[in-house]
Amino acid sequence: MSENGIDLTAEQLLAAINNSSLASESTKIGRADLENAIALLKSADVIKPVQSNNLVTAVFEDNRGKIMRLGKEGEERNYLLTYAGFMRSGDFHPVKQFDVIISGQVTIWYRVGGKDIKIDYAGTPNPTLIILPPYVPHLFEFTKDCEMLEWWDGSFEARYYKPYRDIINVQSEKMSPK
């Protein structure tokens, strides 16, 4: 078993991703994508969360905003309200993640091919659906107060991408009330 708790062969991983309930010919990944995912999992930049990311209560609030669990056990669906200037995530998942930006604006950072790619999304005038691929580290930077929904194509599981988590931790410290 790897240091990060993942013990799959390349073929098992490729089959799991391509046989997910939402996989189509246009969303299936190839061998190069798989090799990038395996390299990421073996990277020293990937850490297993110390505690579960699952919400213990139905509502979690802090100075960034709130997260409300809407789904039942095994079907995690969250509503998030996050205030401008804050960041969230800094992780990746072995399944696709779906986000709908209802209102506000967010810049999502993606780590792809050893580079950070930043894309702006807005929820107004119409909600925006975003599909995050499996094994792609991502960070949400909220540039305006933002409401969004999120869920996953399978059971929720996350690994932290340390460079993004470090950015979030520094930013959270700066934004914390003194």
N, C-alpha and C. Protein backbone atom coordinates (compact mmCIF):
# COMPACT_ATOMS: atom_id res chain seq x y z
N MET A 1 0.86 -1.19 0.00
CA MET A 1 0.00 0.00 0.00
C MET A 1 0.89 1.23 0.00
N SER A 2 0.53 2.24 -0.76
CA SER A 2 1.31 3.47 -0.81
C SER A 2 1.17 4.25 0.49
N GLU A 3 2.07 5.20 0.67
CA GLU A 3 2.07 6.05 1.86
C GLU A 3 0.76 6.81 2.02
N ASN A 4 0.08 7.10 0.91
CA ASN A 4 -1.15 7.89 0.96
C ASN A 4 -2.41 7.03 1.09
N GLY A 5 -2.24 5.73 1.30
CA GLY A 5 -3.39 4.88 1.52
C GLY A 5 -4.07 4.38 0.26
N ILE A 6 -3.46 4.56 -0.90
CA ILE A 6 -4.03 4.11 -2.17
C ILE A 6 -3.28 2.86 -2.61
N ASP A 7 -3.99 1.80 -2.90
CA ASP A 7 -3.36 0.56 -3.30
C ASP A 7 -4.11 -0.03 -4.49
N LEU A 8 -3.97 0.60 -5.64
CA LEU A 8 -4.63 0.15 -6.86
C LEU A 8 -3.60 0.00 -7.96
N THR A 9 -3.82 -0.96 -8.84
CA THR A 9 -2.97 -1.03 -10.02
C THR A 9 -3.43 0.04 -11.00
N ALA A 10 -2.60 0.34 -11.96
CA ALA A 10 -2.97 1.33 -12.97
C ALA A 10 -4.23 0.91 -13.71
N GLU A 11 -4.34 -0.38 -14.01
CA GLU A 11 -5.51 -0.87 -14.75
C GLU A 11 -6.78 -0.75 -13.91
N GLN A 12 -6.70 -1.06 -12.60
CA GLN A 12 -7.86 -0.94 -11.72
C GLN A 12 -8.31 0.51 -11.63
N LEU A 13 -7.35 1.41 -11.50
CA LEU A 13 -7.67 2.83 -11.39
C LEU A 13 -8.32 3.34 -12.67
N LEU A 14 -7.77 2.99 -13.81
CA LEU A 14 -8.32 3.42 -15.09
C LEU A 14 -9.74 2.88 -15.27
N ALA A 15 -9.95 1.63 -14.92
CA ALA A 15 -11.29 1.03 -15.05
C ALA A 15 -12.28 1.72 -14.11
N ALA A 16 -11.86 2.01 -12.89
CA ALA A 16 -12.76 2.65 -11.93
C ALA A 16 -13.20 4.02 -12.42
N ILE A 17 -12.29 4.79 -12.96
CA ILE A 17 -12.62 6.13 -13.44
C ILE A 17 -13.52 6.05 -14.67
N ASN A 18 -13.16 5.22 -15.63
CA ASN A 18 -13.91 5.17 -16.88
C ASN A 18 -15.24 4.44 -16.77
N ASN A 19 -15.44 3.67 -15.71
CA ASN A 19 -16.71 2.96 -15.52
C ASN A 19 -17.62 3.66 -14.52
N SER A 20 -17.28 4.89 -14.12
CA SER A 20 -18.13 5.61 -13.18
C SER A 20 -19.47 5.90 -13.85
N SER A 21 -20.46 6.22 -13.04
CA SER A 21 -21.83 6.37 -13.56
C SER A 21 -21.97 7.51 -14.56
N LEU A 22 -21.08 8.48 -14.54
CA LEU A 22 -21.21 9.61 -15.46
C LEU A 22 -20.18 9.58 -16.59
N ALA A 23 -19.42 8.49 -16.68
CA ALA A 23 -18.41 8.42 -17.73
C ALA A 23 -19.07 8.29 -19.09
N SER A 24 -18.54 9.03 -20.04
CA SER A 24 -18.97 8.91 -21.42
C SER A 24 -17.71 8.91 -22.27
N GLU A 25 -17.87 8.69 -23.56
CA GLU A 25 -16.67 8.67 -24.41
C GLU A 25 -15.87 9.96 -24.30
N SER A 26 -16.56 11.08 -24.09
CA SER A 26 -15.86 12.36 -24.03
C SER A 26 -15.23 12.63 -22.67
N THR A 27 -15.62 11.88 -21.63
CA THR A 27 -15.06 12.15 -20.31
C THR A 27 -14.10 11.07 -19.84
N LYS A 28 -13.97 9.98 -20.58
CA LYS A 28 -13.05 8.92 -20.18
C LYS A 28 -11.62 9.43 -20.29
N ILE A 29 -10.77 8.91 -19.39
CA ILE A 29 -9.39 9.37 -19.42
C ILE A 29 -8.51 8.31 -20.04
N GLY A 30 -7.36 8.73 -20.52
CA GLY A 30 -6.42 7.83 -21.16
C GLY A 30 -5.26 7.48 -20.26
N ARG A 31 -4.35 6.72 -20.80
CA ARG A 31 -3.19 6.22 -20.04
C ARG A 31 -2.33 7.38 -19.52
N ALA A 32 -2.13 8.43 -20.31
CA ALA A 32 -1.31 9.57 -19.85
C ALA A 32 -1.94 10.25 -18.64
N ASP A 33 -3.28 10.42 -18.67
CA ASP A 33 -3.97 11.01 -17.52
C ASP A 33 -3.78 10.13 -16.30
N LEU A 34 -3.89 8.83 -16.49
CA LEU A 34 -3.72 7.89 -15.40
C LEU A 34 -2.31 7.96 -14.82
N GLU A 35 -1.33 8.02 -15.67
CA GLU A 35 0.05 8.11 -15.19
C GLU A 35 0.27 9.39 -14.39
N ASN A 36 -0.36 10.49 -14.81
CA ASN A 36 -0.27 11.74 -14.05
C ASN A 36 -0.92 11.57 -12.68
N ALA A 37 -2.07 10.88 -12.61
CA ALA A 37 -2.75 10.65 -11.33
C ALA A 37 -1.89 9.81 -10.41
N ILE A 38 -1.26 8.77 -10.93
CA ILE A 38 -0.41 7.91 -10.11
C ILE A 38 0.80 8.68 -9.61
N ALA A 39 1.40 9.49 -10.48
CA ALA A 39 2.54 10.31 -10.04
C ALA A 39 2.12 11.26 -8.93
N LEU A 40 0.94 11.84 -9.05
CA LEU A 40 0.43 12.75 -8.03
C LEU A 40 0.28 12.02 -6.70
N LEU A 41 -0.31 10.82 -6.74
CA LEU A 41 -0.53 10.06 -5.50
C LEU A 41 0.77 9.69 -4.81
N LYS A 42 1.84 9.53 -5.57
CA LYS A 42 3.13 9.17 -5.00
C LYS A 42 3.93 10.38 -4.56
N SER A 43 3.45 11.57 -4.88
CA SER A 43 4.17 12.81 -4.59
C SER A 43 4.21 13.10 -3.10
N ALA A 44 5.31 13.71 -2.67
CA ALA A 44 5.43 14.16 -1.28
C ALA A 44 4.48 15.32 -1.00
N ASP A 45 3.91 15.91 -2.05
CA ASP A 45 2.98 17.03 -1.89
C ASP A 45 1.57 16.57 -1.53
N VAL A 46 1.33 15.27 -1.47
CA VAL A 46 0.01 14.74 -1.16
C VAL A 46 0.01 14.19 0.26
N ILE A 47 -0.95 14.65 1.05
CA ILE A 47 -1.06 14.15 2.42
C ILE A 47 -2.49 13.70 2.69
N LYS A 48 -2.60 12.68 3.51
CA LYS A 48 -3.91 12.17 3.91
C LYS A 48 -4.43 13.07 5.02
N PRO A 49 -5.69 13.50 4.95
CA PRO A 49 -6.22 14.34 6.03
C PRO A 49 -6.10 13.65 7.38
N VAL A 50 -5.77 14.43 8.41
CA VAL A 50 -5.64 13.89 9.75
C VAL A 50 -7.00 13.43 10.27
N GLN A 51 -8.04 14.19 9.94
CA GLN A 51 -9.39 13.82 10.35
C GLN A 51 -10.25 13.71 9.11
N SER A 52 -11.39 13.10 9.27
CA SER A 52 -12.32 12.94 8.16
C SER A 52 -12.81 14.30 7.69
N ASN A 53 -12.98 14.45 6.39
CA ASN A 53 -13.54 15.68 5.84
C ASN A 53 -15.06 15.71 5.95
N ASN A 54 -15.65 14.59 6.33
CA ASN A 54 -17.10 14.56 6.44
C ASN A 54 -17.56 15.46 7.58
N LEU A 55 -18.61 16.17 7.36
CA LEU A 55 -19.15 17.05 8.39
C LEU A 55 -19.71 16.21 9.52
N VAL A 56 -19.36 16.57 10.74
CA VAL A 56 -19.88 15.86 11.90
C VAL A 56 -21.32 16.29 12.16
N THR A 57 -21.61 17.55 11.91
CA THR A 57 -22.95 18.06 12.09
C THR A 57 -23.52 18.46 10.73
N ALA A 58 -24.80 18.72 10.70
CA ALA A 58 -25.44 19.09 9.43
C ALA A 58 -25.03 20.48 8.96
N VAL A 59 -24.58 21.33 9.89
CA VAL A 59 -24.15 22.69 9.53
C VAL A 59 -22.82 22.98 10.20
N PHE A 60 -21.86 23.46 9.41
CA PHE A 60 -20.57 23.87 9.93
C PHE A 60 -20.39 25.35 9.57
N GLU A 61 -20.06 26.18 10.56
CA GLU A 61 -19.84 27.61 10.32
C GLU A 61 -18.51 28.04 10.90
N ASP A 62 -17.82 28.91 10.16
CA ASP A 62 -16.62 29.58 10.66
C ASP A 62 -16.55 30.94 9.99
N ASN A 63 -15.41 31.64 10.12
CA ASN A 63 -15.33 33.00 9.57
C ASN A 63 -15.37 33.04 8.05
N ARG A 64 -15.21 31.88 7.39
CA ARG A 64 -15.29 31.84 5.92
C ARG A 64 -16.72 31.80 5.43
N GLY A 65 -17.66 31.32 6.27
CA GLY A 65 -19.05 31.18 5.87
C GLY A 65 -19.64 29.93 6.48
N LYS A 66 -20.40 29.16 5.69
CA LYS A 66 -21.01 27.96 6.23
C LYS A 66 -21.10 26.87 5.17
N ILE A 67 -21.15 25.64 5.68
CA ILE A 67 -21.37 24.46 4.84
C ILE A 67 -22.54 23.71 5.46
N MET A 68 -23.52 23.39 4.63
CA MET A 68 -24.69 22.63 5.10
C MET A 68 -24.76 21.32 4.33
N ARG A 69 -24.82 20.22 5.06
CA ARG A 69 -24.96 18.90 4.43
C ARG A 69 -26.42 18.73 4.02
N LEU A 70 -26.65 18.39 2.76
CA LEU A 70 -28.00 18.20 2.25
C LEU A 70 -28.31 16.74 1.97
N GLY A 71 -27.29 15.94 1.73
CA GLY A 71 -27.51 14.54 1.40
C GLY A 71 -27.48 13.66 2.64
N LYS A 72 -27.79 12.41 2.42
CA LYS A 72 -27.73 11.44 3.51
C LYS A 72 -26.38 10.73 3.46
N GLU A 73 -26.09 9.92 4.48
CA GLU A 73 -24.83 9.19 4.55
C GLU A 73 -24.56 8.46 3.24
N GLY A 74 -23.36 8.63 2.71
CA GLY A 74 -22.99 7.98 1.46
C GLY A 74 -23.38 8.76 0.22
N GLU A 75 -24.17 9.80 0.37
CA GLU A 75 -24.57 10.65 -0.75
C GLU A 75 -24.33 12.10 -0.38
N GLU A 76 -23.08 12.42 -0.14
CA GLU A 76 -22.75 13.76 0.31
C GLU A 76 -23.09 14.81 -0.74
N ARG A 77 -23.89 15.76 -0.32
CA ARG A 77 -24.22 16.93 -1.13
C ARG A 77 -24.17 18.10 -0.18
N ASN A 78 -23.46 19.13 -0.57
CA ASN A 78 -23.27 20.27 0.32
C ASN A 78 -23.72 21.56 -0.33
N TYR A 79 -24.27 22.44 0.51
CA TYR A 79 -24.52 23.83 0.14
C TYR A 79 -23.44 24.62 0.87
N LEU A 80 -22.76 25.50 0.14
CA LEU A 80 -21.73 26.33 0.75
C LEU A 80 -22.02 27.80 0.51
N LEU A 81 -21.83 28.57 1.55
CA LEU A 81 -21.82 30.03 1.45
C LEU A 81 -20.43 30.44 1.91
N THR A 82 -19.69 31.09 1.03
CA THR A 82 -18.34 31.52 1.37
C THR A 82 -18.20 32.99 1.04
N TYR A 83 -17.59 33.71 1.97
CA TYR A 83 -17.42 35.16 1.82
C TYR A 83 -16.21 35.49 0.94
N ALA A 84 -16.31 36.62 0.26
CA ALA A 84 -15.24 37.09 -0.61
C ALA A 84 -13.93 37.18 0.18
N GLY A 85 -12.85 36.82 -0.48
CA GLY A 85 -11.53 36.91 0.13
C GLY A 85 -11.04 35.62 0.74
N PHE A 86 -11.93 34.62 0.89
CA PHE A 86 -11.54 33.36 1.49
C PHE A 86 -11.28 32.29 0.44
N MET A 87 -10.65 31.21 0.89
CA MET A 87 -10.35 30.06 0.04
C MET A 87 -10.85 28.79 0.70
N ARG A 88 -11.10 27.77 -0.12
CA ARG A 88 -11.48 26.44 0.39
C ARG A 88 -10.84 25.36 -0.48
N SER A 89 -10.91 24.16 0.01
CA SER A 89 -10.49 22.92 -0.67
C SER A 89 -8.99 22.70 -0.55
N GLY A 90 -8.25 22.76 -1.67
CA GLY A 90 -6.84 22.39 -1.62
C GLY A 90 -6.68 20.88 -1.57
N ASP A 91 -7.56 20.20 -2.28
CA ASP A 91 -7.55 18.75 -2.25
C ASP A 91 -7.86 18.18 -3.63
N PHE A 92 -8.01 16.86 -3.70
CA PHE A 92 -8.46 16.19 -4.92
C PHE A 92 -9.17 14.92 -4.50
N HIS A 93 -9.89 14.32 -5.45
CA HIS A 93 -10.72 13.16 -5.16
C HIS A 93 -10.52 12.09 -6.23
N PRO A 94 -10.77 10.81 -5.89
CA PRO A 94 -10.63 9.76 -6.90
C PRO A 94 -11.83 9.68 -7.84
N VAL A 95 -12.82 10.52 -7.62
CA VAL A 95 -14.01 10.58 -8.49
C VAL A 95 -14.23 12.03 -8.92
N LYS A 96 -15.10 12.21 -9.89
CA LYS A 96 -15.42 13.57 -10.33
C LYS A 96 -16.13 14.33 -9.23
N GLN A 97 -15.87 15.62 -9.17
CA GLN A 97 -16.59 16.52 -8.26
C GLN A 97 -17.41 17.47 -9.12
N PHE A 98 -18.64 17.71 -8.69
CA PHE A 98 -19.54 18.61 -9.41
C PHE A 98 -19.84 19.80 -8.52
N ASP A 99 -19.75 20.99 -9.07
CA ASP A 99 -20.07 22.22 -8.34
C ASP A 99 -20.99 23.06 -9.21
N VAL A 100 -22.00 23.63 -8.57
CA VAL A 100 -22.86 24.60 -9.25
C VAL A 100 -22.69 25.92 -8.51
N ILE A 101 -22.20 26.92 -9.22
CA ILE A 101 -22.08 28.26 -8.66
C ILE A 101 -23.45 28.91 -8.84
N ILE A 102 -24.13 29.15 -7.73
CA ILE A 102 -25.48 29.72 -7.76
C ILE A 102 -25.41 31.24 -7.88
N SER A 103 -24.57 31.82 -7.06
CA SER A 103 -24.38 33.28 -7.11
C SER A 103 -22.96 33.59 -6.67
N GLY A 104 -22.50 34.77 -7.04
CA GLY A 104 -21.15 35.18 -6.66
C GLY A 104 -20.13 34.83 -7.71
N GLN A 105 -18.87 34.83 -7.28
CA GLN A 105 -17.78 34.60 -8.22
C GLN A 105 -16.65 33.87 -7.51
N VAL A 106 -16.02 32.93 -8.23
CA VAL A 106 -14.92 32.14 -7.67
C VAL A 106 -13.88 31.92 -8.77
N THR A 107 -12.63 31.91 -8.35
CA THR A 107 -11.53 31.50 -9.23
C THR A 107 -11.11 30.13 -8.74
N ILE A 108 -11.12 29.15 -9.64
CA ILE A 108 -10.66 27.82 -9.27
C ILE A 108 -9.26 27.61 -9.83
N TRP A 109 -8.37 27.22 -8.94
CA TRP A 109 -7.01 26.86 -9.32
C TRP A 109 -6.99 25.35 -9.56
N TYR A 110 -6.44 24.93 -10.68
CA TYR A 110 -6.27 23.52 -11.01
C TYR A 110 -4.78 23.25 -11.15
N ARG A 111 -4.30 22.13 -10.64
CA ARG A 111 -2.91 21.72 -10.83
C ARG A 111 -2.90 20.65 -11.90
N VAL A 112 -2.44 21.01 -13.10
CA VAL A 112 -2.46 20.11 -14.24
C VAL A 112 -1.09 20.14 -14.92
N GLY A 113 -0.51 18.96 -15.11
CA GLY A 113 0.77 18.88 -15.80
C GLY A 113 1.86 19.69 -15.13
N GLY A 114 1.84 19.76 -13.81
CA GLY A 114 2.87 20.49 -13.08
C GLY A 114 2.70 21.99 -13.08
N LYS A 115 1.56 22.47 -13.58
CA LYS A 115 1.31 23.92 -13.64
C LYS A 115 -0.02 24.26 -13.01
N ASP A 116 -0.11 25.47 -12.46
CA ASP A 116 -1.37 25.97 -11.91
C ASP A 116 -2.13 26.69 -13.01
N ILE A 117 -3.38 26.31 -13.18
CA ILE A 117 -4.27 26.96 -14.13
C ILE A 117 -5.39 27.58 -13.32
N LYS A 118 -5.68 28.86 -13.54
CA LYS A 118 -6.72 29.56 -12.80
C LYS A 118 -7.83 29.97 -13.77
N ILE A 119 -9.07 29.60 -13.40
CA ILE A 119 -10.22 29.92 -14.24
C ILE A 119 -11.28 30.58 -13.38
N ASP A 120 -11.83 31.70 -13.88
CA ASP A 120 -12.88 32.43 -13.17
C ASP A 120 -14.25 31.89 -13.57
N TYR A 121 -15.13 31.76 -12.56
CA TYR A 121 -16.51 31.32 -12.80
C TYR A 121 -17.44 32.26 -12.04
N ALA A 122 -18.61 32.51 -12.62
CA ALA A 122 -19.62 33.35 -11.97
C ALA A 122 -20.95 32.61 -11.96
N GLY A 123 -21.75 32.89 -10.93
CA GLY A 123 -23.06 32.26 -10.81
C GLY A 123 -24.18 33.13 -11.32
N THR A 124 -23.86 34.36 -11.65
CA THR A 124 -24.90 35.25 -12.15
C THR A 124 -24.50 35.75 -13.53
N PRO A 125 -25.41 35.90 -14.46
CA PRO A 125 -26.86 35.87 -14.29
C PRO A 125 -27.43 34.46 -14.20
N ASN A 126 -26.68 33.41 -14.60
CA ASN A 126 -27.19 32.04 -14.55
C ASN A 126 -26.23 31.16 -13.77
N PRO A 127 -26.74 30.16 -13.06
CA PRO A 127 -25.85 29.23 -12.36
C PRO A 127 -24.89 28.54 -13.33
N THR A 128 -23.71 28.23 -12.85
CA THR A 128 -22.67 27.62 -13.68
C THR A 128 -22.30 26.26 -13.11
N LEU A 129 -22.33 25.22 -13.94
CA LEU A 129 -21.92 23.88 -13.55
C LEU A 129 -20.45 23.70 -13.88
N ILE A 130 -19.71 23.19 -12.90
CA ILE A 130 -18.28 22.91 -13.08
C ILE A 130 -18.07 21.44 -12.75
N ILE A 131 -17.35 20.72 -13.59
CA ILE A 131 -17.02 19.33 -13.33
C ILE A 131 -15.51 19.24 -13.16
N LEU A 132 -15.09 18.88 -11.95
CA LEU A 132 -13.67 18.73 -11.65
C LEU A 132 -13.27 17.28 -11.89
N PRO A 133 -12.26 17.05 -12.72
CA PRO A 133 -11.86 15.67 -13.02
C PRO A 133 -11.25 14.97 -11.80
N PRO A 134 -11.28 13.64 -11.80
CA PRO A 134 -10.63 12.91 -10.72
C PRO A 134 -9.13 13.21 -10.68
N TYR A 135 -8.57 13.19 -9.48
CA TYR A 135 -7.13 13.31 -9.26
C TYR A 135 -6.54 14.63 -9.76
N VAL A 136 -7.32 15.68 -9.81
CA VAL A 136 -6.80 17.00 -10.16
C VAL A 136 -6.91 17.89 -8.93
N PRO A 137 -5.77 18.26 -8.34
CA PRO A 137 -5.83 19.16 -7.18
C PRO A 137 -6.51 20.46 -7.56
N HIS A 138 -7.33 20.98 -6.63
CA HIS A 138 -8.06 22.22 -6.91
C HIS A 138 -8.16 23.05 -5.64
N LEU A 139 -8.27 24.33 -5.85
CA LEU A 139 -8.41 25.31 -4.77
C LEU A 139 -9.45 26.32 -5.23
N PHE A 140 -10.39 26.65 -4.34
CA PHE A 140 -11.42 27.65 -4.64
C PHE A 140 -11.03 28.96 -3.98
N GLU A 141 -10.87 30.01 -4.78
CA GLU A 141 -10.58 31.37 -4.28
C GLU A 141 -11.82 32.22 -4.56
N PHE A 142 -12.51 32.62 -3.49
CA PHE A 142 -13.78 33.32 -3.65
C PHE A 142 -13.53 34.81 -3.78
N THR A 143 -13.82 35.34 -4.97
CA THR A 143 -13.57 36.76 -5.26
C THR A 143 -14.78 37.63 -4.95
N LYS A 144 -15.94 37.01 -4.80
CA LYS A 144 -17.17 37.67 -4.33
C LYS A 144 -17.87 36.68 -3.42
N ASP A 145 -18.74 37.18 -2.54
CA ASP A 145 -19.54 36.26 -1.73
C ASP A 145 -20.18 35.27 -2.69
N CYS A 146 -20.16 33.99 -2.32
CA CYS A 146 -20.53 32.95 -3.28
C CYS A 146 -21.39 31.88 -2.62
N GLU A 147 -22.46 31.49 -3.32
CA GLU A 147 -23.27 30.35 -2.93
C GLU A 147 -23.07 29.26 -3.96
N MET A 148 -22.85 28.04 -3.48
CA MET A 148 -22.65 26.94 -4.42
C MET A 148 -23.12 25.63 -3.82
N LEU A 149 -23.38 24.67 -4.70
CA LEU A 149 -23.70 23.31 -4.34
C LEU A 149 -22.56 22.43 -4.82
N GLU A 150 -22.27 21.35 -4.07
CA GLU A 150 -21.24 20.41 -4.53
C GLU A 150 -21.63 18.99 -4.19
N TRP A 151 -21.20 18.06 -5.04
CA TRP A 151 -21.39 16.64 -4.82
C TRP A 151 -20.37 15.88 -5.65
N TRP A 152 -20.31 14.56 -5.43
CA TRP A 152 -19.28 13.73 -6.06
C TRP A 152 -19.91 12.54 -6.76
N ASP A 153 -19.20 12.04 -7.76
CA ASP A 153 -19.63 10.87 -8.52
C ASP A 153 -19.15 9.62 -7.80
N GLY A 154 -19.70 9.39 -6.61
CA GLY A 154 -19.28 8.27 -5.78
C GLY A 154 -19.09 8.74 -4.36
N SER A 155 -18.60 7.86 -3.53
CA SER A 155 -18.39 8.21 -2.12
C SER A 155 -17.33 9.29 -2.00
N PHE A 156 -17.55 10.18 -1.03
CA PHE A 156 -16.60 11.26 -0.80
C PHE A 156 -15.32 10.71 -0.20
N GLU A 157 -14.21 11.05 -0.83
CA GLU A 157 -12.88 10.74 -0.32
C GLU A 157 -11.98 11.84 -0.83
N ALA A 158 -11.09 12.31 0.03
CA ALA A 158 -10.21 13.40 -0.38
C ALA A 158 -8.79 13.15 0.11
N ARG A 159 -7.86 13.68 -0.65
CA ARG A 159 -6.46 13.78 -0.24
C ARG A 159 -6.10 15.25 -0.38
N TYR A 160 -5.34 15.76 0.57
CA TYR A 160 -4.91 17.14 0.50
C TYR A 160 -3.70 17.28 -0.41
N TYR A 161 -3.69 18.39 -1.16
CA TYR A 161 -2.53 18.77 -1.95
C TYR A 161 -1.82 19.86 -1.15
N LYS A 162 -0.71 19.48 -0.52
CA LYS A 162 -0.06 20.33 0.47
C LYS A 162 0.25 21.75 -0.01
N PRO A 163 0.78 21.95 -1.21
CA PRO A 163 1.02 23.34 -1.63
C PRO A 163 -0.24 24.21 -1.59
N TYR A 164 -1.38 23.67 -1.99
CA TYR A 164 -2.63 24.45 -1.94
C TYR A 164 -3.11 24.61 -0.51
N ARG A 165 -3.00 23.56 0.30
CA ARG A 165 -3.42 23.67 1.70
C ARG A 165 -2.59 24.71 2.44
N ASP A 166 -1.31 24.78 2.12
CA ASP A 166 -0.45 25.79 2.76
C ASP A 166 -0.91 27.20 2.39
N ILE A 167 -1.28 27.41 1.14
CA ILE A 167 -1.79 28.72 0.70
C ILE A 167 -3.07 29.05 1.46
N ILE A 168 -3.98 28.09 1.57
CA ILE A 168 -5.23 28.31 2.28
C ILE A 168 -4.98 28.64 3.75
N ASN A 169 -4.08 27.90 4.38
CA ASN A 169 -3.79 28.14 5.80
C ASN A 169 -3.22 29.53 6.04
N VAL A 170 -2.31 29.97 5.19
CA VAL A 170 -1.73 31.32 5.33
C VAL A 170 -2.82 32.37 5.12
N GLN A 171 -3.63 32.18 4.09
CA GLN A 171 -4.71 33.14 3.79
C GLN A 171 -5.72 33.18 4.92
N SER A 172 -6.09 32.03 5.47
CA SER A 172 -7.06 31.98 6.57
C SER A 172 -6.54 32.70 7.80
N GLU A 173 -5.26 32.54 8.07
CA GLU A 173 -4.63 33.21 9.21
C GLU A 173 -4.71 34.74 9.04
N LYS A 174 -4.44 35.22 7.83
CA LYS A 174 -4.52 36.66 7.56
C LYS A 174 -5.94 37.19 7.71
N MET A 175 -6.94 36.36 7.35
CA MET A 175 -8.34 36.79 7.37
C MET A 175 -9.01 36.57 8.72
N SER A 176 -8.35 35.86 9.63
CA SER A 176 -8.95 35.57 10.93
C SER A 176 -9.09 36.84 11.75
N PRO A 177 -10.21 36.94 12.50
CA PRO A 177 -10.38 38.11 13.36
C PRO A 177 -9.30 38.13 14.44
N LYS A 178 -8.81 39.30 14.71
CA LYS A 178 -7.72 39.44 15.71
C LYS A 178 -8.29 39.65 17.08
